């Protein structure tokens, strides 16, 4: 099960290039959706205007070598290790989901385009990586959804309360979960595999087709925003950003404890305050 290319068997009921065309359409949907999101929300305009102001008002001129160093730090800390998350559980869940999704998507693309039929069997490592990536997404995603979300963990809200902002994570979890279930049923020769495959395609279409209305495009904005933040700190502007002192985790912790110490323990409701959780 873990070493069989689940997409190769589809050629028995679908044209050999059907999944290739579908994946190309999903890539197109992500590109056009992201561009629409940038234009509609003015994200690019805001970024470049902020960048121009930062350069013109900066008290310190940032040289080319330092700019490269900042870019490397942004990639290593903010992108590859999600350094913006102070909460360890949230950070681990995010990294599991992010790297799992990357592995899952890359393995899918290679199997669909390089090994589309049973006549060209994929190396056993590719389906195995596909399963590992999918399970990582499920582990990180469901952990976040049921135990780490702010409104659930800190505010006591129901984990089944759904808002528009949840479109990305829910469609991602639905797509990957249904994909794994479909692959399992197909391997077992179950008659329900076709139905689950249809649901899998539907959830995947929602995931990639809803970019303008979900948080999918944020993965492209966050590196640019993190880079600008580091440059703003380096040149001395740090416009509308937290101060250097508050960015120190230890200083943040002491500041939070001071607020907790000074605040009344009984807020007039007869309920004792609990220590805050920081996200």
Protein backbone atom coordinates (compact mmCIF):
# COMPACT_ATOMS: atom_id res chain seq x y z
CA UNK A 1 0.00 0.00 0.00
CA UNK A 2 2.73 2.45 0.96
CA UNK A 3 4.89 1.69 -2.08
CA UNK A 4 2.23 1.70 -4.83
CA UNK A 5 1.59 4.77 -6.97
CA UNK A 6 -2.14 5.41 -6.36
CA UNK A 7 -2.48 7.62 -9.45
CA UNK A 8 -1.20 5.01 -11.90
CA UNK A 9 -4.29 2.84 -11.39
CA UNK A 10 -6.51 5.73 -12.50
CA UNK A 11 -5.52 5.12 -16.12
CA UNK A 12 -7.85 2.12 -16.09
CA UNK A 13 -10.85 4.45 -15.87
CA UNK A 14 -9.46 7.84 -16.95
CA UNK A 15 -7.27 9.04 -19.83
CA UNK A 16 -3.57 8.81 -19.03
CA UNK A 17 -3.15 12.58 -19.07
CA UNK A 18 -6.32 13.42 -17.11
CA UNK A 19 -4.54 13.96 -13.79
CA UNK A 20 -1.73 15.84 -15.53
CA UNK A 21 -4.23 18.31 -16.98
CA UNK A 22 -5.98 18.58 -13.63
CA UNK A 23 -2.75 19.39 -11.77
CA UNK A 24 -1.85 22.00 -14.38
CA UNK A 25 -5.26 23.63 -13.88
CA UNK A 26 -4.75 23.68 -10.11
CA UNK A 27 -1.36 25.39 -10.53
CA UNK A 28 -3.01 27.93 -12.81
CA UNK A 29 -5.74 28.46 -10.21
CA UNK A 30 -3.14 29.19 -7.51
CA UNK A 31 -1.24 31.65 -9.73
CA UNK A 32 -4.32 33.54 -10.93
CA UNK A 33 -5.90 33.46 -7.47
CA UNK A 34 -2.77 34.88 -5.86
CA UNK A 35 -2.48 37.63 -8.47
CA UNK A 36 -6.15 38.49 -7.99
CA UNK A 37 -5.66 38.57 -4.22
CA UNK A 38 -2.65 40.90 -4.58
CA UNK A 39 -4.49 43.28 -6.90
CA UNK A 40 -7.81 43.20 -5.05
CA UNK A 41 -6.34 43.74 -1.60
CA UNK A 42 -3.52 46.02 -2.76
CA UNK A 43 -0.95 43.88 -0.98
CA UNK A 44 1.84 44.53 -3.49
CA UNK A 45 1.14 48.28 -3.55
CA UNK A 46 1.22 48.46 0.24
CA UNK A 47 4.45 46.46 0.41
CA UNK A 48 6.32 48.59 -2.12
CA UNK A 49 5.08 51.85 -0.61
CA UNK A 50 6.17 50.67 2.83
CA UNK A 51 9.50 49.56 1.39
CA UNK A 52 10.04 52.97 -0.26
CA UNK A 53 9.21 54.83 2.96
CA UNK A 54 11.52 52.58 4.94
CA UNK A 55 14.42 53.28 2.60
CA UNK A 56 13.84 57.03 2.47
CA UNK A 57 13.33 57.52 6.22
CA UNK A 58 15.92 55.06 7.44
CA UNK A 59 18.47 56.51 9.84
CA UNK A 60 21.02 53.87 8.75
CA UNK A 61 21.83 52.92 5.17
CA UNK A 62 21.67 49.15 4.70
CA UNK A 63 24.41 47.95 2.36
CA UNK A 64 24.28 45.10 -0.12
CA UNK A 65 26.13 42.61 2.06
CA UNK A 66 23.85 43.30 5.02
CA UNK A 67 20.81 43.02 2.74
CA UNK A 68 21.96 39.57 1.65
CA UNK A 69 22.51 38.61 5.29
CA UNK A 70 19.00 39.78 6.15
CA UNK A 71 17.56 37.77 3.25
CA UNK A 72 19.40 34.64 4.42
CA UNK A 73 18.17 35.12 8.00
CA UNK A 74 14.63 35.63 6.73
CA UNK A 75 14.78 32.40 4.77
CA UNK A 76 16.33 30.34 7.55
CA UNK A 77 14.43 31.74 10.54
CA UNK A 78 11.09 33.07 9.30
CA UNK A 79 10.46 30.74 6.36
CA UNK A 80 12.20 27.41 6.99
CA UNK A 81 11.76 27.28 10.77
CA UNK A 82 8.69 29.54 11.26
CA UNK A 83 10.54 31.62 13.81
CA UNK A 84 7.65 34.09 14.17
CA UNK A 85 5.77 31.59 16.34
CA UNK A 86 6.67 31.99 20.02
CA UNK A 87 4.40 29.15 21.11
CA UNK A 88 6.32 25.89 20.67
CA UNK A 89 3.26 23.71 20.05
CA UNK A 90 1.90 26.05 17.40
CA UNK A 91 5.29 26.22 15.74
CA UNK A 92 5.70 22.44 15.61
CA UNK A 93 2.18 21.96 14.25
CA UNK A 94 2.82 24.60 11.59
CA UNK A 95 6.12 23.01 10.55
CA UNK A 96 4.56 19.54 10.37
CA UNK A 97 1.76 20.85 8.17
CA UNK A 98 4.02 22.99 5.99
CA UNK A 99 6.72 20.42 5.30
CA UNK A 100 4.18 17.62 5.03
CA UNK A 101 2.26 19.61 2.40
CA UNK A 102 5.44 20.35 0.43
CA UNK A 103 6.48 16.68 0.44
CA UNK A 104 2.95 15.57 -0.42
CA UNK A 105 2.57 17.97 -3.36
CA UNK A 106 6.02 17.30 -4.82
CA UNK A 107 5.55 13.53 -4.59
CA UNK A 108 2.12 13.86 -6.22
CA UNK A 109 3.50 15.93 -9.11
CA UNK A 110 6.38 13.52 -9.77
CA UNK A 111 4.15 10.45 -9.72
CA UNK A 112 1.52 12.03 -11.95
CA UNK A 113 3.89 13.48 -14.55
CA UNK A 114 6.86 11.08 -14.52
CA UNK A 115 5.08 7.80 -13.76
CA UNK A 116 1.50 8.25 -15.01
CA UNK A 117 0.71 4.59 -15.79
CA UNK A 118 1.31 1.13 -14.38
CA UNK A 119 3.59 0.48 -17.35
CA UNK A 120 6.09 2.90 -15.79
CA UNK A 121 6.10 2.00 -12.07
CA UNK A 122 7.29 4.71 -9.73
CA UNK A 123 10.21 4.08 -7.33
CA UNK A 124 8.87 2.80 -4.03
CA UNK A 125 10.22 5.85 -2.22
CA UNK A 126 7.82 8.24 -4.00
CA UNK A 127 4.54 6.69 -2.78
CA UNK A 128 6.14 6.31 0.64
CA UNK A 129 7.00 10.02 0.72
CA UNK A 130 3.46 10.78 -0.46
CA UNK A 131 2.04 8.89 2.51
CA UNK A 132 4.52 10.41 4.97
CA UNK A 133 3.77 13.93 3.72
CA UNK A 134 0.03 13.37 3.91
CA UNK A 135 0.22 11.95 7.43
CA UNK A 136 2.38 14.91 8.52
CA UNK A 137 -0.29 17.29 7.22
CA UNK A 138 -2.99 15.41 9.11
CA UNK A 139 -0.95 15.28 12.33
CA UNK A 140 -0.09 18.97 12.30
CA UNK A 141 -3.43 20.14 10.93
CA UNK A 142 -5.74 18.20 13.24
CA UNK A 143 -3.51 18.96 16.23
CA UNK A 144 -3.84 22.65 15.44
CA UNK A 145 -7.57 22.49 14.75
CA UNK A 146 -8.64 20.61 17.85
CA UNK A 147 -6.07 21.63 20.46
CA UNK A 148 -4.06 24.73 19.53
CA UNK A 149 -6.44 27.23 17.89
CA UNK A 150 -6.79 30.38 19.98
CA UNK A 151 -10.58 30.30 20.21
CA UNK A 152 -10.44 26.62 21.28
CA UNK A 153 -7.38 26.41 23.54
CA UNK A 154 -7.46 29.88 25.10
CA UNK A 155 -11.12 30.90 24.88
CA UNK A 156 -12.86 27.58 25.37
CA UNK A 157 -14.72 27.72 22.05
CA UNK A 158 -16.03 24.69 20.22
CA UNK A 159 -13.55 23.06 17.82
CA UNK A 160 -16.46 22.58 15.41
CA UNK A 161 -17.15 26.30 15.07
CA UNK A 162 -16.29 27.21 11.47
CA UNK A 163 -15.58 30.66 10.05
CA UNK A 164 -14.57 31.91 6.61
CA UNK A 165 -10.97 32.23 7.80
CA UNK A 166 -10.94 28.44 8.31
CA UNK A 167 -11.47 27.71 4.61
CA UNK A 168 -7.80 27.00 3.90
CA UNK A 169 -7.04 24.66 6.79
CA UNK A 170 -10.34 22.76 6.45
CA UNK A 171 -10.05 22.30 2.68
CA UNK A 172 -6.41 21.24 3.12
CA UNK A 173 -7.29 18.65 5.75
CA UNK A 174 -10.27 17.42 3.73
CA UNK A 175 -8.18 17.09 0.56
CA UNK A 176 -5.28 15.22 2.15
CA UNK A 177 -7.45 13.03 4.39
CA UNK A 178 -9.71 11.98 1.52
CA UNK A 179 -6.65 11.37 -0.66
CA UNK A 180 -5.17 8.97 1.88
CA UNK A 181 -8.50 7.21 2.39
CA UNK A 182 -8.93 6.87 -1.37
CA UNK A 183 -5.45 5.38 -1.79
CA UNK A 184 -6.13 2.88 1.01
CA UNK A 185 -9.51 1.82 -0.42
CA UNK A 186 -8.07 1.54 -3.92
CA UNK A 187 -5.31 -0.73 -2.70
CA UNK A 188 -7.91 -2.94 -0.98
CA UNK A 189 -10.05 -3.03 -4.13
CA UNK A 190 -13.02 -1.44 -2.34
CA UNK A 191 -16.03 -0.44 -4.40
CA UNK A 192 -16.21 2.85 -2.51
CA UNK A 193 -12.86 4.05 -3.81
CA UNK A 194 -14.47 5.81 -6.77
CA UNK A 195 -16.82 7.83 -4.56
CA UNK A 196 -14.02 8.86 -2.23
CA UNK A 197 -11.87 9.82 -5.22
CA UNK A 198 -14.64 12.15 -6.41
CA UNK A 199 -14.79 13.75 -2.95
CA UNK A 200 -10.98 14.00 -2.96
CA UNK A 201 -11.00 15.87 -6.28
CA UNK A 202 -13.79 18.14 -5.02
CA UNK A 203 -11.95 19.06 -1.82
CA UNK A 204 -8.70 19.60 -3.73
CA UNK A 205 -10.46 21.88 -6.20
CA UNK A 206 -11.84 23.94 -3.32
CA UNK A 207 -8.36 24.13 -1.74
CA UNK A 208 -6.62 25.47 -4.84
CA UNK A 209 -9.58 27.28 -6.36
CA UNK A 210 -10.42 29.33 -3.26
CA UNK A 211 -7.08 31.17 -3.03
CA UNK A 212 -8.66 34.67 -3.24
CA UNK A 213 -10.95 33.90 -0.29
CA UNK A 214 -8.67 31.79 1.91
CA UNK A 215 -5.28 32.18 3.60
CA UNK A 216 -3.50 30.17 0.92
CA UNK A 217 -1.85 33.27 -0.59
CA UNK A 218 -0.39 34.20 2.81
CA UNK A 219 2.41 31.70 2.30
CA UNK A 220 3.68 33.96 -0.50
CA UNK A 221 3.19 37.22 1.44
CA UNK A 222 4.79 36.19 4.74
CA UNK A 223 8.40 35.92 3.51
CA UNK A 224 8.20 39.39 1.93
CA UNK A 225 6.65 40.87 5.08
CA UNK A 226 9.27 39.20 7.29
CA UNK A 227 12.08 40.49 5.07
CA UNK A 228 10.69 44.04 5.17
CA UNK A 229 10.39 43.86 8.96
CA UNK A 230 14.03 42.88 9.33
CA UNK A 231 15.16 45.62 6.95
CA UNK A 232 13.07 48.18 8.84
CA UNK A 233 14.78 47.18 12.08
CA UNK A 234 18.19 47.31 10.44
CA UNK A 235 17.77 50.83 9.03
CA UNK A 236 16.14 52.19 12.17
CA UNK A 237 12.61 52.87 10.95
CA UNK A 238 10.64 49.88 12.28
CA UNK A 239 7.45 51.67 11.27
CA UNK A 240 4.41 50.37 13.20
CA UNK A 241 6.39 47.36 14.37
CA UNK A 242 7.10 45.96 17.86
CA UNK A 243 10.14 47.45 19.56
CA UNK A 244 13.44 45.63 19.88
CA UNK A 245 12.80 45.12 23.58
CA UNK A 246 9.43 43.48 23.13
CA UNK A 247 10.85 41.17 20.43
CA UNK A 248 13.05 39.49 23.04
CA UNK A 249 11.14 36.35 24.22
CA UNK A 250 12.43 36.73 27.77
CA UNK A 251 11.39 40.40 27.88
CA UNK A 252 7.98 39.43 26.48
CA UNK A 253 7.56 36.84 29.22
CA UNK A 254 8.50 39.30 31.96
CA UNK A 255 6.18 41.91 30.49
CA UNK A 256 3.29 39.43 30.43
CA UNK A 257 3.93 38.41 34.03
CA UNK A 258 3.95 42.06 35.08
CA UNK A 259 0.58 42.60 33.41
CA UNK A 260 -0.80 39.48 35.08
CA UNK A 261 0.54 40.57 38.48
CA UNK A 262 -0.94 44.07 38.23
CA UNK A 263 -4.33 42.98 36.88
CA UNK A 264 -7.16 42.20 39.32
CA UNK A 265 -7.62 38.48 39.83
CA UNK A 266 -11.37 38.83 40.10
CA UNK A 267 -12.81 40.65 37.10
CA UNK A 268 -16.17 41.21 38.78
CA UNK A 269 -17.55 37.92 37.53
CA UNK A 270 -16.47 35.76 40.45
CA UNK A 271 -14.06 33.97 38.12
CA UNK A 272 -10.34 33.70 38.79
CA UNK A 273 -8.11 34.71 35.89
CA UNK A 274 -5.87 32.10 34.31
CA UNK A 275 -2.37 32.66 33.02
CA UNK A 276 -2.56 33.82 29.37
CA UNK A 277 -1.41 31.71 26.50
CA UNK A 278 0.57 33.62 23.89
CA UNK A 279 0.12 32.90 20.20
